[in-house]
């Protein structure tokens, strides 16, 4: 119960930090774009809201933005695969390794 009270106490701070992170990321994108791309590629400067639009578009097209770890593929990196590999015989492990080598070529 005590942990919940601590979390509730800090929740507004985390909310403000999250909002600051989102708006700060937009400012970083705008600044980098305006500092690099017009000089290198000769394109126009963008506004803050255009930078935010680029962030949203990149999220739609490419998925996750920011911190949060790697996306996990089904069958790899999850507990079921790891347990199956750890409890397999040496022959089964070798077969799994050969199959992954064949798939990754």
N, C-alpha and C. Protein backbone atom coordinates (compact mmCIF):
# COMPACT_ATOMS: atom_id res chain seq x y z
N UNK A 1 0.82 -1.19 0.00
CA UNK A 1 0.00 0.00 0.00
C UNK A 1 0.86 1.25 0.00
N UNK A 2 1.96 1.17 0.68
CA UNK A 2 2.82 2.34 0.79
C UNK A 2 3.42 2.72 -0.55
N UNK A 3 3.74 1.71 -1.38
CA UNK A 3 4.30 1.99 -2.71
C UNK A 3 3.29 2.72 -3.60
N UNK A 4 2.03 2.36 -3.46
CA UNK A 4 1.00 3.05 -4.25
C UNK A 4 0.93 4.52 -3.88
N UNK A 5 1.04 4.79 -2.61
CA UNK A 5 0.99 6.19 -2.16
C UNK A 5 2.18 6.98 -2.70
N UNK A 6 3.35 6.35 -2.72
CA UNK A 6 4.52 7.02 -3.28
C UNK A 6 4.33 7.26 -4.78
N UNK A 7 3.79 6.24 -5.47
CA UNK A 7 3.56 6.38 -6.90
C UNK A 7 2.58 7.50 -7.19
N UNK A 8 1.51 7.54 -6.45
CA UNK A 8 0.50 8.60 -6.64
C UNK A 8 1.08 9.97 -6.37
N UNK A 9 2.00 10.04 -5.42
CA UNK A 9 2.63 11.31 -5.10
C UNK A 9 3.48 11.80 -6.27
N UNK A 10 4.17 10.88 -6.94
CA UNK A 10 5.08 11.24 -8.02
C UNK A 10 4.42 11.24 -9.40
N UNK A 11 3.19 10.76 -9.51
CA UNK A 11 2.52 10.67 -10.81
C UNK A 11 2.43 12.01 -11.55
N UNK A 12 2.07 13.11 -10.90
CA UNK A 12 2.04 14.38 -11.63
C UNK A 12 3.42 14.80 -12.15
N UNK A 13 4.45 14.49 -11.39
CA UNK A 13 5.81 14.83 -11.84
C UNK A 13 6.15 14.04 -13.11
N UNK A 14 5.82 12.74 -13.11
CA UNK A 14 6.09 11.93 -14.30
C UNK A 14 5.27 12.42 -15.49
N UNK A 15 4.04 12.86 -15.25
CA UNK A 15 3.22 13.39 -16.33
C UNK A 15 3.83 14.64 -16.95
N UNK A 16 4.30 15.53 -16.10
CA UNK A 16 4.94 16.77 -16.59
C UNK A 16 6.22 16.43 -17.35
N UNK A 17 7.01 15.49 -16.81
CA UNK A 17 8.24 15.08 -17.49
C UNK A 17 7.94 14.45 -18.85
N UNK A 18 6.89 13.63 -18.94
CA UNK A 18 6.52 13.01 -20.20
C UNK A 18 6.12 14.06 -21.24
N UNK A 19 5.29 15.00 -20.82
CA UNK A 19 4.86 16.06 -21.74
C UNK A 19 6.06 16.89 -22.17
N UNK A 20 6.95 17.20 -21.23
CA UNK A 20 8.17 17.92 -21.57
C UNK A 20 9.05 17.15 -22.54
N UNK A 21 9.12 15.83 -22.36
CA UNK A 21 9.90 14.99 -23.27
C UNK A 21 9.31 15.03 -24.68
N UNK A 22 7.99 14.94 -24.79
CA UNK A 22 7.35 14.96 -26.11
C UNK A 22 7.61 16.29 -26.81
N UNK A 23 7.38 17.40 -26.12
CA UNK A 23 7.58 18.70 -26.74
C UNK A 23 9.06 18.99 -26.97
N UNK A 24 9.92 18.51 -26.07
CA UNK A 24 11.36 18.67 -26.25
C UNK A 24 11.87 17.90 -27.45
N UNK A 25 11.31 16.72 -27.68
CA UNK A 25 11.70 15.92 -28.84
C UNK A 25 11.33 16.65 -30.13
N UNK A 26 10.18 17.27 -30.16
CA UNK A 26 9.79 18.06 -31.33
C UNK A 26 10.76 19.20 -31.58
N UNK A 27 11.19 19.85 -30.52
CA UNK A 27 12.14 20.95 -30.65
C UNK A 27 13.49 20.44 -31.17
N UNK A 28 13.93 19.28 -30.68
CA UNK A 28 15.20 18.69 -31.14
C UNK A 28 15.12 18.35 -32.63
N UNK A 29 14.01 17.75 -33.05
CA UNK A 29 13.84 17.40 -34.48
C UNK A 29 13.88 18.67 -35.32
N UNK A 30 13.14 19.70 -34.90
CA UNK A 30 13.12 20.96 -35.65
C UNK A 30 14.52 21.58 -35.72
N UNK A 31 15.21 21.60 -34.61
CA UNK A 31 16.54 22.21 -34.57
C UNK A 31 17.53 21.47 -35.45
N UNK A 32 17.53 20.15 -35.36
CA UNK A 32 18.46 19.37 -36.19
C UNK A 32 18.13 19.51 -37.67
N UNK A 33 16.85 19.45 -37.99
CA UNK A 33 16.43 19.60 -39.38
C UNK A 33 16.90 20.95 -39.92
N UNK A 34 16.59 22.01 -39.18
CA UNK A 34 16.91 23.36 -39.64
C UNK A 34 18.41 23.64 -39.65
N UNK A 35 19.18 22.96 -38.83
CA UNK A 35 20.62 23.18 -38.79
C UNK A 35 21.35 22.39 -39.87
N UNK A 36 20.84 21.23 -40.23
CA UNK A 36 21.59 20.34 -41.12
C UNK A 36 21.03 20.28 -42.54
N UNK A 37 19.76 19.98 -42.68
CA UNK A 37 19.21 19.68 -44.00
C UNK A 37 19.19 20.86 -44.98
N UNK A 38 18.86 22.08 -44.56
CA UNK A 38 18.91 23.17 -45.54
C UNK A 38 20.31 23.39 -46.11
N UNK A 39 21.32 23.23 -45.29
CA UNK A 39 22.70 23.43 -45.75
C UNK A 39 23.14 22.28 -46.66
N UNK A 40 22.84 21.06 -46.25
CA UNK A 40 23.31 19.88 -46.98
C UNK A 40 22.48 19.63 -48.24
N UNK A 41 21.16 19.69 -48.11
CA UNK A 41 20.29 19.33 -49.23
C UNK A 41 19.59 20.52 -49.88
N UNK A 42 19.70 21.69 -49.30
CA UNK A 42 19.07 22.87 -49.88
C UNK A 42 17.56 22.87 -49.78
N UNK A 43 17.00 22.29 -48.71
CA UNK A 43 15.56 22.27 -48.55
C UNK A 43 15.13 23.36 -47.57
N UNK A 44 13.81 23.59 -47.47
CA UNK A 44 13.28 24.67 -46.64
C UNK A 44 13.39 24.36 -45.15
N UNK A 45 13.35 25.42 -44.36
CA UNK A 45 13.27 25.28 -42.91
C UNK A 45 11.87 24.82 -42.54
N UNK A 46 11.75 24.16 -41.38
CA UNK A 46 10.42 23.71 -40.94
C UNK A 46 10.09 24.40 -39.62
N UNK A 47 8.79 24.45 -39.33
CA UNK A 47 8.32 25.04 -38.07
C UNK A 47 8.27 23.94 -37.00
N UNK A 48 8.00 24.36 -35.79
CA UNK A 48 7.90 23.42 -34.68
C UNK A 48 6.80 22.39 -34.93
N UNK A 49 5.64 22.84 -35.38
CA UNK A 49 4.52 21.92 -35.58
C UNK A 49 4.75 20.99 -36.76
N UNK A 50 5.50 21.44 -37.75
CA UNK A 50 5.88 20.53 -38.83
C UNK A 50 6.81 19.44 -38.30
N UNK A 51 7.70 19.79 -37.39
CA UNK A 51 8.58 18.79 -36.78
C UNK A 51 7.77 17.78 -35.98
N UNK A 52 6.76 18.26 -35.25
CA UNK A 52 5.89 17.34 -34.51
C UNK A 52 5.14 16.42 -35.48
N UNK A 53 4.71 16.96 -36.60
CA UNK A 53 4.06 16.14 -37.62
C UNK A 53 4.99 15.07 -38.18
N UNK A 54 6.25 15.42 -38.35
CA UNK A 54 7.24 14.43 -38.83
C UNK A 54 7.40 13.32 -37.79
N UNK A 55 7.41 13.69 -36.51
CA UNK A 55 7.50 12.67 -35.46
C UNK A 55 6.30 11.73 -35.50
N UNK A 56 5.10 12.28 -35.64
CA UNK A 56 3.89 11.45 -35.69
C UNK A 56 3.92 10.57 -36.93
N UNK A 57 4.31 11.13 -38.07
CA UNK A 57 4.38 10.35 -39.30
C UNK A 57 5.40 9.22 -39.18
N UNK A 58 6.55 9.50 -38.58
CA UNK A 58 7.56 8.46 -38.43
C UNK A 58 7.07 7.37 -37.47
N UNK A 59 6.29 7.75 -36.47
CA UNK A 59 5.71 6.77 -35.56
C UNK A 59 4.74 5.86 -36.31
N UNK A 60 3.94 6.44 -37.19
CA UNK A 60 2.99 5.65 -37.97
C UNK A 60 3.72 4.72 -38.92
N UNK A 61 4.74 5.24 -39.59
CA UNK A 61 5.43 4.44 -40.60
C UNK A 61 6.41 3.42 -40.03
N UNK A 62 7.12 3.79 -38.99
CA UNK A 62 8.21 2.95 -38.50
C UNK A 62 7.99 2.34 -37.13
N UNK A 63 6.90 2.68 -36.47
CA UNK A 63 6.63 2.09 -35.16
C UNK A 63 7.17 2.92 -34.03
N UNK A 64 7.61 2.23 -33.02
CA UNK A 64 7.99 2.84 -31.75
C UNK A 64 9.11 3.88 -31.87
N UNK A 65 8.96 4.98 -31.11
CA UNK A 65 9.97 6.02 -31.06
C UNK A 65 10.40 6.14 -29.60
N UNK A 66 11.68 6.35 -29.39
CA UNK A 66 12.15 6.61 -28.05
C UNK A 66 12.64 5.39 -27.33
N UNK A 67 12.71 5.50 -26.00
CA UNK A 67 13.23 4.42 -25.18
C UNK A 67 12.14 3.40 -24.96
N UNK A 68 12.55 2.19 -24.70
CA UNK A 68 11.56 1.15 -24.45
C UNK A 68 12.04 -0.20 -24.87
N UNK A 69 13.25 -0.30 -25.24
CA UNK A 69 13.80 -1.60 -25.59
C UNK A 69 13.51 -2.00 -27.02
N UNK A 70 14.00 -3.14 -27.35
CA UNK A 70 13.84 -3.66 -28.70
C UNK A 70 12.48 -4.33 -28.83
N UNK A 71 11.96 -4.32 -30.04
CA UNK A 71 10.75 -5.07 -30.32
C UNK A 71 11.11 -6.54 -30.34
N UNK A 72 10.29 -7.34 -29.75
CA UNK A 72 10.57 -8.77 -29.73
C UNK A 72 9.86 -9.45 -30.87
N UNK A 73 10.58 -10.30 -31.54
CA UNK A 73 9.98 -11.10 -32.60
C UNK A 73 9.38 -12.35 -31.98
N UNK A 74 8.29 -12.84 -32.54
CA UNK A 74 7.70 -14.06 -31.99
C UNK A 74 8.69 -15.22 -32.11
N UNK A 75 8.81 -15.97 -31.04
CA UNK A 75 9.65 -17.15 -31.08
C UNK A 75 11.11 -16.89 -30.75
N UNK A 76 11.50 -15.66 -30.59
CA UNK A 76 12.90 -15.39 -30.28
C UNK A 76 12.97 -14.36 -29.17
N UNK A 77 13.76 -14.62 -28.16
CA UNK A 77 13.91 -13.68 -27.08
C UNK A 77 12.83 -13.78 -26.01
N UNK A 78 11.87 -14.66 -26.21
CA UNK A 78 10.86 -14.80 -25.17
C UNK A 78 11.18 -16.00 -24.28
N UNK A 79 10.49 -16.09 -23.20
CA UNK A 79 10.78 -17.11 -22.20
C UNK A 79 10.57 -18.53 -22.73
N UNK A 80 9.54 -18.77 -23.53
CA UNK A 80 9.27 -20.11 -24.03
C UNK A 80 10.42 -20.61 -24.90
N UNK A 81 10.93 -19.75 -25.78
CA UNK A 81 12.06 -20.15 -26.63
C UNK A 81 13.29 -20.41 -25.79
N UNK A 82 13.56 -19.54 -24.85
CA UNK A 82 14.75 -19.68 -23.99
C UNK A 82 14.67 -20.97 -23.18
N UNK A 83 13.50 -21.25 -22.59
CA UNK A 83 13.34 -22.47 -21.81
C UNK A 83 13.50 -23.71 -22.68
N UNK A 84 12.92 -23.68 -23.87
CA UNK A 84 13.04 -24.82 -24.78
C UNK A 84 14.50 -25.05 -25.16
N UNK A 85 15.24 -23.96 -25.39
CA UNK A 85 16.64 -24.09 -25.78
C UNK A 85 17.49 -24.59 -24.61
N UNK A 86 17.24 -24.07 -23.42
CA UNK A 86 18.04 -24.46 -22.26
C UNK A 86 17.81 -25.91 -21.84
N UNK A 87 16.62 -26.42 -22.05
CA UNK A 87 16.30 -27.79 -21.64
C UNK A 87 16.44 -28.80 -22.78
N UNK A 88 16.95 -28.38 -23.91
CA UNK A 88 17.12 -29.27 -25.05
C UNK A 88 18.41 -30.08 -24.91
N UNK A 89 18.44 -31.21 -25.60
CA UNK A 89 19.67 -32.00 -25.64
C UNK A 89 20.65 -31.32 -26.57
N UNK A 90 21.90 -31.77 -26.54
CA UNK A 90 22.93 -31.17 -27.40
C UNK A 90 22.56 -31.32 -28.87
N UNK A 91 21.98 -32.44 -29.22
CA UNK A 91 21.58 -32.67 -30.62
C UNK A 91 20.47 -31.70 -31.04
N UNK A 92 19.49 -31.49 -30.15
CA UNK A 92 18.41 -30.56 -30.45
C UNK A 92 18.93 -29.12 -30.54
N UNK A 93 19.88 -28.77 -29.66
CA UNK A 93 20.47 -27.43 -29.72
C UNK A 93 21.19 -27.22 -31.04
N UNK A 94 21.92 -28.21 -31.49
CA UNK A 94 22.64 -28.11 -32.76
C UNK A 94 21.66 -27.94 -33.92
N UNK A 95 20.56 -28.68 -33.89
CA UNK A 95 19.54 -28.55 -34.94
C UNK A 95 18.93 -27.15 -34.94
N UNK A 96 18.66 -26.61 -33.74
CA UNK A 96 18.10 -25.25 -33.65
C UNK A 96 19.09 -24.23 -34.21
N UNK A 97 20.36 -24.37 -33.85
CA UNK A 97 21.38 -23.43 -34.34
C UNK A 97 21.48 -23.49 -35.85
N UNK A 98 21.46 -24.69 -36.41
CA UNK A 98 21.55 -24.83 -37.87
C UNK A 98 20.33 -24.21 -38.55
N UNK A 99 19.16 -24.40 -37.96
CA UNK A 99 17.94 -23.83 -38.53
C UNK A 99 18.00 -22.31 -38.52
N UNK A 100 18.47 -21.70 -37.41
CA UNK A 100 18.58 -20.24 -37.35
C UNK A 100 19.64 -19.71 -38.30
N UNK A 101 20.74 -20.44 -38.44
CA UNK A 101 21.77 -20.02 -39.40
C UNK A 101 21.21 -20.04 -40.82
N UNK A 102 20.42 -21.06 -41.12
CA UNK A 102 19.82 -21.17 -42.45
C UNK A 102 18.82 -20.04 -42.69
N UNK A 103 18.03 -19.69 -41.67
CA UNK A 103 17.04 -18.62 -41.80
C UNK A 103 17.68 -17.22 -41.91
N UNK A 104 18.82 -17.06 -41.27
CA UNK A 104 19.44 -15.72 -41.21
C UNK A 104 20.37 -15.42 -42.40
N UNK A 105 20.54 -16.34 -43.28
CA UNK A 105 21.41 -16.08 -44.43
C UNK A 105 20.77 -15.21 -45.44
